[in-house]
């Protein structure tokens, strides 16, 4: 058991060392998305902001009265979204031309988070900040690293595929494909827990900081 644990630890360390530059690039790309999303808030017209704030008001009211979607339904929707995202990233990773689209998905994920947090803070100040902190941050502490890991693994496999099939044309890449698929499956398990947290725990956290 200890031997397997050490072997797994060495494999993780080797993966991190080999893909250090890719992790840095993908993380910076995500952060650029966050910043860009926050900047977009300032380009919205007063009417757009008012309409979105009205929608948020209805959401806050439903959350306070516990009339939003049942946790089971919310869990299914969240899990479905996560699985679609990670499934698409896996497919893009096994295609030679998938890299740009993987990068785009990471950037858009950052953009959505940046816009959400930016709008709440812009319109509701500290109340918005605390609500964003409770509603956006907790489950994304699992979701974002999982997606970054899949993005890096998918990009690395796509590069390997291009090099192997288009340039060198040698050998089998089945072991690498299997490792990539196992890694994606592991991250899918992380996303199941994230979806559970988002559906069953996040609403309770949000109720403690509903802006009034």
N, C-alpha and C. Protein backbone atom coordinates (compact mmCIF):
# COMPACT_ATOMS: atom_id res chain seq x y z
N UNK A 1 0.84 -1.21 0.00
CA UNK A 1 0.00 0.00 0.00
C UNK A 1 0.88 1.26 0.00
N UNK A 2 1.89 1.26 0.88
CA UNK A 2 2.79 2.39 0.97
C UNK A 2 3.58 2.55 -0.32
N UNK A 3 3.95 1.40 -0.91
CA UNK A 3 4.71 1.43 -2.16
C UNK A 3 3.90 2.04 -3.28
N UNK A 4 2.61 1.66 -3.35
CA UNK A 4 1.71 2.22 -4.38
C UNK A 4 1.52 3.72 -4.18
N UNK A 5 1.42 4.12 -2.90
CA UNK A 5 1.24 5.54 -2.58
C UNK A 5 2.45 6.34 -3.02
N UNK A 6 3.65 5.79 -2.75
CA UNK A 6 4.89 6.46 -3.16
C UNK A 6 5.00 6.54 -4.67
N UNK A 7 4.59 5.47 -5.34
CA UNK A 7 4.63 5.43 -6.81
C UNK A 7 3.68 6.48 -7.38
N UNK A 8 2.49 6.58 -6.78
CA UNK A 8 1.51 7.58 -7.24
C UNK A 8 2.04 8.98 -7.00
N UNK A 9 2.67 9.20 -5.84
CA UNK A 9 3.24 10.50 -5.53
C UNK A 9 4.33 10.89 -6.51
N UNK A 10 5.18 9.92 -6.88
CA UNK A 10 6.24 10.19 -7.85
C UNK A 10 5.66 10.51 -9.22
N UNK A 11 4.58 9.83 -9.58
CA UNK A 11 3.94 10.07 -10.87
C UNK A 11 3.37 11.48 -10.94
N UNK A 12 2.73 11.92 -9.84
CA UNK A 12 2.17 13.27 -9.77
C UNK A 12 3.28 14.30 -9.87
N UNK A 13 4.38 14.07 -9.12
CA UNK A 13 5.50 15.01 -9.13
C UNK A 13 6.13 15.10 -10.51
N UNK A 14 6.26 13.95 -11.18
CA UNK A 14 6.82 13.92 -12.53
C UNK A 14 5.93 14.69 -13.51
N UNK A 15 4.62 14.47 -13.37
CA UNK A 15 3.66 15.17 -14.23
C UNK A 15 3.76 16.69 -14.03
N UNK A 16 3.83 17.13 -12.79
CA UNK A 16 3.92 18.56 -12.49
C UNK A 16 5.22 19.17 -13.03
N UNK A 17 6.33 18.42 -12.87
CA UNK A 17 7.62 18.91 -13.36
C UNK A 17 7.64 19.02 -14.88
N UNK A 18 7.06 18.02 -15.55
CA UNK A 18 7.07 18.00 -17.02
C UNK A 18 6.16 19.05 -17.63
N UNK A 19 5.06 19.37 -16.93
CA UNK A 19 4.07 20.28 -17.49
C UNK A 19 4.03 21.63 -16.77
N UNK A 20 5.11 21.99 -16.11
CA UNK A 20 5.14 23.22 -15.32
C UNK A 20 4.77 24.45 -16.15
N UNK A 21 5.37 24.56 -17.34
CA UNK A 21 5.12 25.73 -18.19
C UNK A 21 3.67 25.77 -18.67
N UNK A 22 3.11 24.59 -18.96
CA UNK A 22 1.71 24.54 -19.40
C UNK A 22 0.77 24.95 -18.27
N UNK A 23 1.05 24.49 -17.05
CA UNK A 23 0.22 24.87 -15.91
C UNK A 23 0.26 26.39 -15.70
N UNK A 24 1.45 26.97 -15.86
CA UNK A 24 1.59 28.41 -15.71
C UNK A 24 0.78 29.14 -16.78
N UNK A 25 0.89 28.67 -18.01
CA UNK A 25 0.18 29.31 -19.12
C UNK A 25 -1.33 29.24 -18.94
N UNK A 26 -1.83 28.05 -18.61
CA UNK A 26 -3.28 27.86 -18.47
C UNK A 26 -3.82 28.66 -17.28
N UNK A 27 -3.06 28.70 -16.19
CA UNK A 27 -3.48 29.48 -15.02
C UNK A 27 -3.54 30.97 -15.33
N UNK A 28 -2.52 31.46 -16.03
CA UNK A 28 -2.51 32.88 -16.43
C UNK A 28 -3.67 33.16 -17.37
N UNK A 29 -3.97 32.24 -18.28
CA UNK A 29 -5.09 32.40 -19.20
C UNK A 29 -6.42 32.50 -18.44
N UNK A 30 -6.57 31.65 -17.43
CA UNK A 30 -7.77 31.69 -16.60
C UNK A 30 -7.88 33.03 -15.88
N UNK A 31 -6.77 33.50 -15.31
CA UNK A 31 -6.78 34.78 -14.60
C UNK A 31 -7.08 35.95 -15.53
N UNK A 32 -6.59 35.85 -16.77
CA UNK A 32 -6.92 36.88 -17.77
C UNK A 32 -8.42 36.90 -18.02
N UNK A 33 -9.04 35.71 -18.06
CA UNK A 33 -10.48 35.63 -18.23
C UNK A 33 -11.22 36.28 -17.08
N UNK A 34 -10.74 36.03 -15.86
CA UNK A 34 -11.35 36.64 -14.66
C UNK A 34 -11.28 38.17 -14.75
N UNK A 35 -10.10 38.68 -15.10
CA UNK A 35 -9.92 40.14 -15.20
C UNK A 35 -10.80 40.72 -16.30
N UNK A 36 -10.83 40.05 -17.44
CA UNK A 36 -11.63 40.53 -18.57
C UNK A 36 -13.12 40.53 -18.20
N UNK A 37 -13.55 39.48 -17.48
CA UNK A 37 -14.95 39.41 -17.05
C UNK A 37 -15.32 40.54 -16.13
N UNK A 38 -14.40 40.88 -15.22
CA UNK A 38 -14.64 42.00 -14.29
C UNK A 38 -14.69 43.33 -15.04
N UNK A 39 -13.85 43.46 -16.07
CA UNK A 39 -13.82 44.71 -16.86
C UNK A 39 -15.12 44.88 -17.65
N UNK A 40 -15.67 43.77 -18.13
CA UNK A 40 -16.91 43.84 -18.92
C UNK A 40 -18.03 44.52 -18.14
N UNK A 41 -18.04 44.32 -16.82
CA UNK A 41 -19.08 44.91 -15.97
C UNK A 41 -19.13 46.43 -16.18
N UNK A 42 -17.98 47.03 -16.31
CA UNK A 42 -17.91 48.49 -16.46
C UNK A 42 -18.36 48.97 -17.84
N UNK A 43 -18.49 48.04 -18.79
CA UNK A 43 -18.93 48.44 -20.13
C UNK A 43 -20.45 48.31 -20.29
N UNK A 44 -21.12 47.76 -19.27
CA UNK A 44 -22.56 47.58 -19.36
C UNK A 44 -23.29 48.92 -19.21
N UNK A 45 -24.41 49.03 -19.89
CA UNK A 45 -25.22 50.25 -19.76
C UNK A 45 -26.00 50.21 -18.45
N UNK A 46 -26.44 51.37 -17.94
CA UNK A 46 -27.24 51.40 -16.70
C UNK A 46 -28.49 50.53 -16.80
N UNK A 47 -29.11 50.49 -17.99
CA UNK A 47 -30.32 49.68 -18.17
C UNK A 47 -30.01 48.20 -18.02
N UNK A 48 -28.90 47.76 -18.62
CA UNK A 48 -28.50 46.36 -18.51
C UNK A 48 -28.21 45.98 -17.06
N UNK A 49 -27.52 46.87 -16.36
CA UNK A 49 -27.22 46.62 -14.95
C UNK A 49 -28.49 46.55 -14.12
N UNK A 50 -29.43 47.44 -14.41
CA UNK A 50 -30.68 47.47 -13.65
C UNK A 50 -31.49 46.20 -13.88
N UNK A 51 -31.53 45.74 -15.13
CA UNK A 51 -32.27 44.51 -15.46
C UNK A 51 -31.66 43.30 -14.76
N UNK A 52 -30.33 43.23 -14.79
CA UNK A 52 -29.65 42.10 -14.16
C UNK A 52 -29.80 42.16 -12.64
N UNK A 53 -29.77 43.37 -12.09
CA UNK A 53 -29.96 43.53 -10.65
C UNK A 53 -31.37 43.13 -10.24
N UNK A 54 -32.36 43.41 -11.11
CA UNK A 54 -33.73 42.99 -10.84
C UNK A 54 -33.85 41.48 -10.80
N UNK A 55 -33.17 40.82 -11.72
CA UNK A 55 -33.16 39.35 -11.73
C UNK A 55 -32.53 38.81 -10.45
N UNK A 56 -31.42 39.44 -10.04
CA UNK A 56 -30.75 39.03 -8.80
C UNK A 56 -31.66 39.21 -7.59
N UNK A 57 -32.45 40.30 -7.61
CA UNK A 57 -33.38 40.55 -6.51
C UNK A 57 -34.38 39.41 -6.37
N UNK A 58 -34.89 38.91 -7.50
CA UNK A 58 -35.81 37.76 -7.47
C UNK A 58 -35.10 36.51 -6.95
N UNK A 59 -33.85 36.35 -7.37
CA UNK A 59 -33.08 35.19 -6.90
C UNK A 59 -32.86 35.25 -5.39
N UNK A 60 -32.48 36.43 -4.89
CA UNK A 60 -32.27 36.60 -3.45
C UNK A 60 -33.55 36.28 -2.67
N UNK A 61 -34.68 36.75 -3.21
CA UNK A 61 -35.96 36.52 -2.55
C UNK A 61 -36.29 35.03 -2.51
N UNK A 62 -36.08 34.37 -3.65
CA UNK A 62 -36.34 32.93 -3.70
C UNK A 62 -35.41 32.15 -2.80
N UNK A 63 -34.15 32.59 -2.73
CA UNK A 63 -33.18 31.93 -1.85
C UNK A 63 -33.58 32.10 -0.39
N UNK A 64 -34.00 33.31 -0.03
CA UNK A 64 -34.39 33.60 1.34
C UNK A 64 -35.62 32.80 1.76
N UNK A 65 -36.56 32.64 0.82
CA UNK A 65 -37.80 31.90 1.10
C UNK A 65 -37.68 30.42 0.78
N UNK A 66 -36.48 30.01 0.36
CA UNK A 66 -36.19 28.61 0.02
C UNK A 66 -37.14 28.07 -1.05
N UNK A 67 -37.38 28.91 -2.07
CA UNK A 67 -38.24 28.49 -3.17
C UNK A 67 -37.45 28.28 -4.47
N UNK A 68 -36.12 28.31 -4.38
CA UNK A 68 -35.31 28.01 -5.56
C UNK A 68 -35.32 26.50 -5.81
N UNK A 69 -34.64 26.05 -6.84
CA UNK A 69 -34.68 24.64 -7.25
C UNK A 69 -34.32 23.70 -6.11
N UNK A 70 -34.98 22.55 -6.10
CA UNK A 70 -34.67 21.51 -5.12
C UNK A 70 -33.21 21.11 -5.26
N UNK A 71 -32.54 20.82 -4.13
CA UNK A 71 -31.12 20.44 -4.20
C UNK A 71 -30.84 19.29 -5.16
N UNK A 72 -31.75 18.32 -5.21
CA UNK A 72 -31.55 17.17 -6.11
C UNK A 72 -31.52 17.62 -7.56
N UNK A 73 -32.44 18.53 -7.92
CA UNK A 73 -32.50 19.05 -9.30
C UNK A 73 -31.27 19.90 -9.59
N UNK A 74 -30.91 20.75 -8.63
CA UNK A 74 -29.73 21.61 -8.78
C UNK A 74 -28.47 20.76 -8.94
N UNK A 75 -28.39 19.67 -8.18
CA UNK A 75 -27.24 18.76 -8.28
C UNK A 75 -27.16 18.13 -9.66
N UNK A 76 -28.30 17.69 -10.19
CA UNK A 76 -28.33 17.07 -11.51
C UNK A 76 -27.91 18.06 -12.60
N UNK A 77 -28.41 19.30 -12.50
CA UNK A 77 -28.05 20.32 -13.49
C UNK A 77 -26.56 20.66 -13.41
N UNK A 78 -26.07 20.85 -12.19
CA UNK A 78 -24.66 21.20 -12.00
C UNK A 78 -23.75 20.09 -12.49
N UNK A 79 -24.10 18.85 -12.12
CA UNK A 79 -23.29 17.70 -12.53
C UNK A 79 -23.31 17.55 -14.05
N UNK A 80 -24.49 17.75 -14.64
CA UNK A 80 -24.61 17.67 -16.10
C UNK A 80 -23.72 18.69 -16.79
N UNK A 81 -23.72 19.91 -16.28
CA UNK A 81 -22.87 20.97 -16.86
C UNK A 81 -21.39 20.63 -16.73
N UNK A 82 -21.01 20.16 -15.54
CA UNK A 82 -19.60 19.81 -15.31
C UNK A 82 -19.16 18.66 -16.23
N UNK A 83 -20.01 17.66 -16.36
CA UNK A 83 -19.67 16.50 -17.18
C UNK A 83 -19.60 16.86 -18.67
N UNK A 84 -20.49 17.75 -19.11
CA UNK A 84 -20.43 18.21 -20.50
C UNK A 84 -19.11 18.93 -20.76
N UNK A 85 -18.73 19.78 -19.81
CA UNK A 85 -17.48 20.54 -19.97
C UNK A 85 -16.27 19.63 -20.00
N UNK A 86 -16.17 18.75 -19.02
CA UNK A 86 -14.99 17.89 -18.94
C UNK A 86 -14.99 16.85 -20.07
N UNK A 87 -16.18 16.42 -20.49
CA UNK A 87 -16.27 15.48 -21.61
C UNK A 87 -15.81 16.13 -22.90
N UNK A 88 -16.23 17.37 -23.13
CA UNK A 88 -15.81 18.10 -24.32
C UNK A 88 -14.31 18.34 -24.31
N UNK A 89 -13.78 18.68 -23.14
CA UNK A 89 -12.33 18.90 -23.03
C UNK A 89 -11.57 17.61 -23.31
N UNK A 90 -12.09 16.47 -22.86
CA UNK A 90 -11.45 15.18 -23.13
C UNK A 90 -11.44 14.90 -24.63
N UNK A 91 -12.57 15.14 -25.30
CA UNK A 91 -12.65 14.93 -26.75
C UNK A 91 -11.68 15.84 -27.49
N UNK A 92 -11.62 17.11 -27.07
CA UNK A 92 -10.69 18.05 -27.71
C UNK A 92 -9.24 17.63 -27.49
N UNK A 93 -8.98 17.02 -26.34
CA UNK A 93 -7.62 16.57 -26.04
C UNK A 93 -7.16 15.43 -26.91
N UNK A 94 -8.09 14.60 -27.40
CA UNK A 94 -7.70 13.47 -28.25
C UNK A 94 -7.78 13.84 -29.73
N UNK A 95 -7.92 15.12 -30.02
CA UNK A 95 -7.89 15.57 -31.41
C UNK A 95 -6.69 16.49 -31.60
N UNK A 96 -6.14 16.48 -32.77
CA UNK A 96 -4.93 17.26 -33.04
C UNK A 96 -5.19 18.75 -32.98
N UNK A 97 -6.42 19.17 -33.35
CA UNK A 97 -6.72 20.60 -33.43
C UNK A 97 -7.49 21.12 -32.20
N UNK A 98 -7.46 20.34 -31.12
CA UNK A 98 -8.29 20.70 -29.96
C UNK A 98 -7.73 21.75 -29.03
N UNK A 99 -6.40 21.99 -29.10
CA UNK A 99 -5.76 22.89 -28.13
C UNK A 99 -6.38 24.29 -28.03
N UNK A 100 -6.59 24.99 -29.15
CA UNK A 100 -7.14 26.35 -29.04
C UNK A 100 -8.50 26.39 -28.35
N UNK A 101 -9.30 25.35 -28.59
CA UNK A 101 -10.64 25.31 -28.00
C UNK A 101 -10.58 25.01 -26.51
N UNK A 102 -9.61 24.20 -26.09
CA UNK A 102 -9.40 23.96 -24.66
C UNK A 102 -9.03 25.27 -23.96
N UNK A 103 -8.12 26.01 -24.58
CA UNK A 103 -7.71 27.30 -24.02
C UNK A 103 -8.89 28.27 -23.94
N UNK A 104 -9.73 28.25 -24.98
CA UNK A 104 -10.90 29.13 -25.02
C UNK A 104 -11.86 28.79 -23.88
N UNK A 105 -12.05 27.50 -23.61
CA UNK A 105 -12.96 27.08 -22.54
C UNK A 105 -12.45 27.54 -21.18
N UNK A 106 -11.15 27.46 -20.96
CA UNK A 106 -10.57 27.92 -19.69
C UNK A 106 -10.73 29.43 -19.55
N UNK A 107 -10.48 30.16 -20.64
CA UNK A 107 -10.62 31.61 -20.62
C UNK A 107 -12.07 32.00 -20.31
N UNK A 108 -13.03 31.31 -20.94
CA UNK A 108 -14.45 31.62 -20.74
C UNK A 108 -14.89 31.30 -19.32
N UNK A 109 -14.33 30.23 -18.74
CA UNK A 109 -14.64 29.90 -17.35
C UNK A 109 -14.20 31.03 -16.43
N UNK A 110 -13.00 31.54 -16.66
CA UNK A 110 -12.52 32.68 -15.88
C UNK A 110 -13.37 33.91 -16.11
N UNK A 111 -13.78 34.13 -17.36
CA UNK A 111 -14.60 35.30 -17.70
C UNK A 111 -15.92 35.28 -16.94
N UNK A 112 -16.57 34.12 -16.90
CA UNK A 112 -17.86 33.99 -16.19
C UNK A 112 -17.70 34.28 -14.71
N UNK A 113 -16.66 33.72 -14.10
CA UNK A 113 -16.42 33.94 -12.67
C UNK A 113 -16.10 35.42 -12.42
N UNK A 114 -15.25 35.99 -13.26
CA UNK A 114 -14.88 37.40 -13.10
C UNK A 114 -16.07 38.33 -13.26
N UNK A 115 -16.92 38.03 -14.23
CA UNK A 115 -18.10 38.86 -14.45
C UNK A 115 -19.07 38.76 -13.27
N UNK A 116 -19.30 37.54 -12.79
CA UNK A 116 -20.23 37.33 -11.68
C UNK A 116 -19.78 38.08 -10.43
N UNK A 117 -18.52 37.86 -10.06
CA UNK A 117 -17.98 38.52 -8.86
C UNK A 117 -17.92 40.03 -9.07
N UNK A 118 -17.47 40.45 -10.23
CA UNK A 118 -17.35 41.88 -10.53
C UNK A 118 -18.68 42.60 -10.48
N UNK A 119 -19.73 41.96 -11.03
CA UNK A 119 -21.04 42.61 -11.03
C UNK A 119 -21.59 42.73 -9.62
N UNK A 120 -21.47 41.66 -8.83
CA UNK A 120 -21.98 41.69 -7.46
C UNK A 120 -21.28 42.77 -6.63
N UNK A 121 -19.97 42.85 -6.77
CA UNK A 121 -19.22 43.85 -6.01
C UNK A 121 -19.53 45.26 -6.52
N UNK A 122 -19.63 45.40 -7.84
CA UNK A 122 -19.90 46.70 -8.45
C UNK A 122 -21.24 47.27 -8.01
N UNK A 123 -22.25 46.39 -7.89
CA UNK A 123 -23.60 46.85 -7.59
C UNK A 123 -23.95 46.82 -6.11
N UNK A 124 -23.34 45.90 -5.36
CA UNK A 124 -23.74 45.71 -3.97
C UNK A 124 -22.61 45.91 -2.96
N UNK A 125 -21.47 46.39 -3.45
CA UNK A 125 -20.32 46.70 -2.58
C UNK A 125 -19.93 45.51 -1.70
N UNK A 126 -19.77 45.74 -0.40
CA UNK A 126 -19.32 44.67 0.51
C UNK A 126 -20.33 43.55 0.64
N UNK A 127 -21.62 43.89 0.61
CA UNK A 127 -22.64 42.83 0.64
C UNK A 127 -22.48 41.91 -0.56
N UNK A 128 -22.22 42.52 -1.72
CA UNK A 128 -22.01 41.73 -2.93
C UNK A 128 -20.74 40.90 -2.86
N UNK A 129 -19.70 41.48 -2.25
CA UNK A 129 -18.44 40.75 -2.11
C UNK A 129 -18.64 39.49 -1.27
N UNK A 130 -19.30 39.62 -0.12
CA UNK A 130 -19.49 38.46 0.75
C UNK A 130 -20.41 37.43 0.12
N UNK A 131 -21.43 37.91 -0.61
CA UNK A 131 -22.31 36.96 -1.29
C UNK A 131 -21.55 36.21 -2.37
N UNK A 132 -20.73 36.93 -3.14
CA UNK A 132 -19.91 36.30 -4.17
C UNK A 132 -18.94 35.30 -3.55
N UNK A 133 -18.37 35.68 -2.41
CA UNK A 133 -17.41 34.81 -1.73
C UNK A 133 -18.07 33.49 -1.33
N UNK A 134 -19.30 33.56 -0.84
CA UNK A 134 -20.00 32.35 -0.39
C UNK A 134 -20.61 31.55 -1.54
N UNK A 135 -21.02 32.24 -2.59
CA UNK A 135 -21.74 31.56 -3.68
C UNK A 135 -20.83 31.07 -4.79
N UNK A 136 -19.74 31.79 -5.04
CA UNK A 136 -18.89 31.47 -6.20
C UNK A 136 -17.63 30.72 -5.80
N UNK A 137 -17.00 31.15 -4.72
CA UNK A 137 -15.67 30.65 -4.38
C UNK A 137 -15.64 29.18 -3.93
N UNK A 138 -16.47 28.74 -2.96
CA UNK A 138 -16.26 27.41 -2.37
C UNK A 138 -16.20 26.26 -3.37
N UNK A 139 -17.25 26.07 -4.18
CA UNK A 139 -17.23 24.93 -5.10
C UNK A 139 -16.22 25.12 -6.23
N UNK A 140 -15.92 26.39 -6.57
CA UNK A 140 -14.92 26.62 -7.62
C UNK A 140 -13.50 26.35 -7.17
N UNK A 141 -13.29 26.25 -5.86
CA UNK A 141 -11.98 25.81 -5.36
C UNK A 141 -11.70 24.37 -5.78
N UNK A 142 -12.74 23.63 -6.11
CA UNK A 142 -12.60 22.28 -6.64
C UNK A 142 -12.70 22.28 -8.17
N UNK A 143 -13.68 23.02 -8.68
CA UNK A 143 -13.96 23.00 -10.12
C UNK A 143 -12.80 23.56 -10.94
N UNK A 144 -12.30 24.72 -10.56
CA UNK A 144 -11.26 25.39 -11.37
C UNK A 144 -9.96 24.56 -11.43
N UNK A 145 -9.41 24.09 -10.29
CA UNK A 145 -8.20 23.26 -10.39
C UNK A 145 -8.44 21.99 -11.23
N UNK A 146 -9.63 21.38 -11.08
CA UNK A 146 -9.93 20.17 -11.86
C UNK A 146 -9.91 20.47 -13.35
N UNK A 147 -10.52 21.58 -13.75
CA UNK A 147 -10.56 21.95 -15.17
C UNK A 147 -9.18 22.34 -15.68
N UNK A 148 -8.39 23.00 -14.85
CA UNK A 148 -7.03 23.36 -15.26
C UNK A 148 -6.18 22.10 -15.47
N UNK A 149 -6.33 21.13 -14.57
CA UNK A 149 -5.59 19.87 -14.70
C UNK A 149 -5.99 19.15 -15.98
N UNK A 150 -7.29 19.09 -16.27
CA UNK A 150 -7.76 18.44 -17.49
C UNK A 150 -7.29 19.21 -18.72
N UNK A 151 -7.31 20.54 -18.65
CA UNK A 151 -6.86 21.36 -19.77
C UNK A 151 -5.38 21.11 -20.07
N UNK A 152 -4.57 21.06 -19.03
CA UNK A 152 -3.13 20.81 -19.21
C UNK A 152 -2.90 19.41 -19.78
N UNK A 153 -3.58 18.43 -19.20
CA UNK A 153 -3.41 17.05 -19.67
C UNK A 153 -3.90 16.91 -21.12
N UNK A 154 -5.03 17.55 -21.44
CA UNK A 154 -5.56 17.49 -22.79
C UNK A 154 -4.65 18.17 -23.80
N UNK A 155 -4.09 19.31 -23.41
CA UNK A 155 -3.16 20.03 -24.29
C UNK A 155 -1.89 19.21 -24.52
N UNK A 156 -1.36 18.63 -23.44
CA UNK A 156 -0.14 17.82 -23.55
C UNK A 156 -0.39 16.60 -24.44
N UNK A 157 -1.55 15.95 -24.29
CA UNK A 157 -1.84 14.77 -25.11
C UNK A 157 -2.06 15.17 -26.57
N UNK A 158 -2.72 16.29 -26.79
CA UNK A 158 -2.95 16.78 -28.15
C UNK A 158 -1.62 17.09 -28.84
N UNK A 159 -0.68 17.68 -28.10
CA UNK A 159 0.66 17.97 -28.65
C UNK A 159 1.40 16.67 -28.96
N UNK A 160 1.28 15.71 -28.05
CA UNK A 160 1.90 14.40 -28.27
C UNK A 160 1.32 13.74 -29.51
N UNK A 161 0.02 13.82 -29.65
CA UNK A 161 -0.68 13.22 -30.80
C UNK A 161 -0.21 13.85 -32.10
N UNK A 162 -0.11 15.18 -32.10
CA UNK A 162 0.34 15.89 -33.31
C UNK A 162 1.77 15.50 -33.65
N UNK A 163 2.62 15.45 -32.63
CA UNK A 163 4.03 15.10 -32.85
C UNK A 163 4.17 13.66 -33.34
N UNK A 164 3.37 12.77 -32.76
CA UNK A 164 3.46 11.35 -33.06
C UNK A 164 2.89 10.99 -34.42
N UNK A 165 1.80 11.65 -34.79
CA UNK A 165 1.09 11.28 -36.02
C UNK A 165 1.50 12.12 -37.23
N UNK A 166 1.78 13.40 -36.99
CA UNK A 166 2.05 14.30 -38.12
C UNK A 166 3.54 14.50 -38.40
N UNK A 167 4.37 14.32 -37.39
CA UNK A 167 5.80 14.61 -37.57
C UNK A 167 6.64 13.32 -37.57
N UNK A 168 6.61 12.61 -36.44
CA UNK A 168 7.50 11.47 -36.32
C UNK A 168 6.89 10.17 -36.86
N UNK A 169 5.58 10.04 -36.73
CA UNK A 169 4.88 8.83 -37.19
C UNK A 169 5.52 7.55 -36.65
N UNK A 170 5.56 7.45 -35.32
CA UNK A 170 6.17 6.26 -34.74
C UNK A 170 5.47 5.84 -33.46
N UNK A 171 5.51 4.55 -33.22
CA UNK A 171 5.07 3.99 -31.95
C UNK A 171 3.59 4.14 -31.63
N UNK A 172 3.23 3.51 -30.51
CA UNK A 172 1.86 3.60 -30.02
C UNK A 172 1.76 4.63 -28.90
N UNK A 173 0.62 5.25 -28.81
CA UNK A 173 0.42 6.22 -27.72
C UNK A 173 -0.70 5.75 -26.79
N UNK A 174 -1.02 4.46 -26.88
CA UNK A 174 -2.11 3.93 -26.05
C UNK A 174 -1.84 4.11 -24.55
N UNK A 175 -0.62 3.85 -24.05
CA UNK A 175 -0.37 4.06 -22.60
C UNK A 175 -0.65 5.50 -22.17
N UNK A 176 -0.22 6.46 -23.00
CA UNK A 176 -0.46 7.87 -22.68
C UNK A 176 -1.95 8.21 -22.76
N UNK A 177 -2.64 7.60 -23.73
CA UNK A 177 -4.09 7.80 -23.86
C UNK A 177 -4.81 7.27 -22.63
N UNK A 178 -4.37 6.10 -22.16
CA UNK A 178 -4.98 5.49 -20.97
C UNK A 178 -4.74 6.36 -19.74
N UNK A 179 -3.51 6.86 -19.58
CA UNK A 179 -3.19 7.72 -18.43
C UNK A 179 -4.02 9.00 -18.47
N UNK A 180 -4.14 9.58 -19.66
CA UNK A 180 -4.94 10.80 -19.84
C UNK A 180 -6.40 10.55 -19.47
N UNK A 181 -6.95 9.45 -19.93
CA UNK A 181 -8.36 9.12 -19.66
C UNK A 181 -8.60 8.85 -18.19
N UNK A 182 -7.65 8.19 -17.54
CA UNK A 182 -7.77 7.92 -16.09
C UNK A 182 -7.72 9.23 -15.32
N UNK A 183 -6.84 10.15 -15.73
CA UNK A 183 -6.75 11.45 -15.07
C UNK A 183 -8.05 12.23 -15.21
N UNK A 184 -8.63 12.22 -16.40
CA UNK A 184 -9.90 12.92 -16.63
C UNK A 184 -11.01 12.31 -15.78
N UNK A 185 -11.02 10.99 -15.68
CA UNK A 185 -12.02 10.29 -14.86
C UNK A 185 -11.86 10.68 -13.39
N UNK A 186 -10.62 10.79 -12.93
CA UNK A 186 -10.36 11.20 -11.54
C UNK A 186 -10.89 12.60 -11.28
N UNK A 187 -10.68 13.51 -12.24
CA UNK A 187 -11.19 14.87 -12.09
C UNK A 187 -12.72 14.91 -12.15
N UNK A 188 -13.31 13.97 -12.89
CA UNK A 188 -14.78 13.87 -12.93
C UNK A 188 -15.33 13.53 -11.55
N UNK A 189 -14.61 12.70 -10.81
CA UNK A 189 -15.02 12.36 -9.44
C UNK A 189 -14.95 13.60 -8.54
N UNK A 190 -13.92 14.42 -8.75
CA UNK A 190 -13.80 15.67 -7.99
C UNK A 190 -15.00 16.58 -8.31
N UNK A 191 -15.39 16.62 -9.57
CA UNK A 191 -16.51 17.47 -9.98
C UNK A 191 -17.85 16.98 -9.44
N UNK A 192 -17.97 15.68 -9.20
CA UNK A 192 -19.18 15.15 -8.56
C UNK A 192 -19.32 15.75 -7.16
N UNK A 193 -18.21 15.77 -6.43
CA UNK A 193 -18.23 16.34 -5.08
C UNK A 193 -18.51 17.84 -5.13
N UNK A 194 -17.92 18.52 -6.13
CA UNK A 194 -18.14 19.96 -6.29
C UNK A 194 -19.62 20.26 -6.57
N UNK A 195 -20.25 19.43 -7.41
CA UNK A 195 -21.66 19.62 -7.74
C UNK A 195 -22.53 19.37 -6.50
N UNK A 196 -22.16 18.38 -5.70
CA UNK A 196 -22.88 18.10 -4.46
C UNK A 196 -22.79 19.29 -3.51
N UNK A 197 -21.59 19.83 -3.39
CA UNK A 197 -21.37 20.99 -2.51
C UNK A 197 -22.20 22.18 -3.00
N UNK A 198 -22.17 22.42 -4.32
CA UNK A 198 -22.88 23.55 -4.90
C UNK A 198 -24.39 23.45 -4.69
N UNK A 199 -24.92 22.22 -4.78
CA UNK A 199 -26.37 22.03 -4.69
C UNK A 199 -26.89 21.96 -3.26
N UNK A 200 -26.13 21.34 -2.36
CA UNK A 200 -26.64 21.08 -1.02
C UNK A 200 -26.07 22.00 0.06
N UNK A 201 -24.87 22.51 -0.14
CA UNK A 201 -24.23 23.30 0.92
C UNK A 201 -24.19 24.79 0.59
N UNK A 202 -23.89 25.13 -0.67
CA UNK A 202 -23.79 26.54 -1.06
C UNK A 202 -25.04 27.36 -0.76
N UNK A 203 -26.26 26.83 -1.03
CA UNK A 203 -27.46 27.63 -0.71
C UNK A 203 -27.54 28.03 0.76
N UNK A 204 -27.14 27.12 1.65
CA UNK A 204 -27.15 27.44 3.09
C UNK A 204 -26.13 28.52 3.41
N UNK A 205 -24.97 28.46 2.76
CA UNK A 205 -23.95 29.49 2.97
C UNK A 205 -24.43 30.84 2.44
N UNK A 206 -25.09 30.81 1.27
CA UNK A 206 -25.56 32.05 0.67
C UNK A 206 -26.63 32.73 1.51
N UNK A 207 -27.47 31.92 2.16
CA UNK A 207 -28.55 32.50 2.99
C UNK A 207 -28.00 33.31 4.15
N UNK A 208 -26.78 33.00 4.58
CA UNK A 208 -26.20 33.73 5.71
C UNK A 208 -25.73 35.13 5.31
N UNK A 209 -25.60 35.37 4.00
CA UNK A 209 -25.05 36.67 3.56
C UNK A 209 -25.91 37.30 2.46
N UNK A 210 -27.22 36.99 2.44
CA UNK A 210 -28.10 37.57 1.41
C UNK A 210 -28.13 39.08 1.56
N UNK A 211 -27.79 39.83 0.49
CA UNK A 211 -27.86 41.29 0.56
C UNK A 211 -29.32 41.77 0.75
N UNK A 212 -29.54 42.75 1.59
CA UNK A 212 -30.89 43.29 1.82
C UNK A 212 -30.92 44.78 1.49
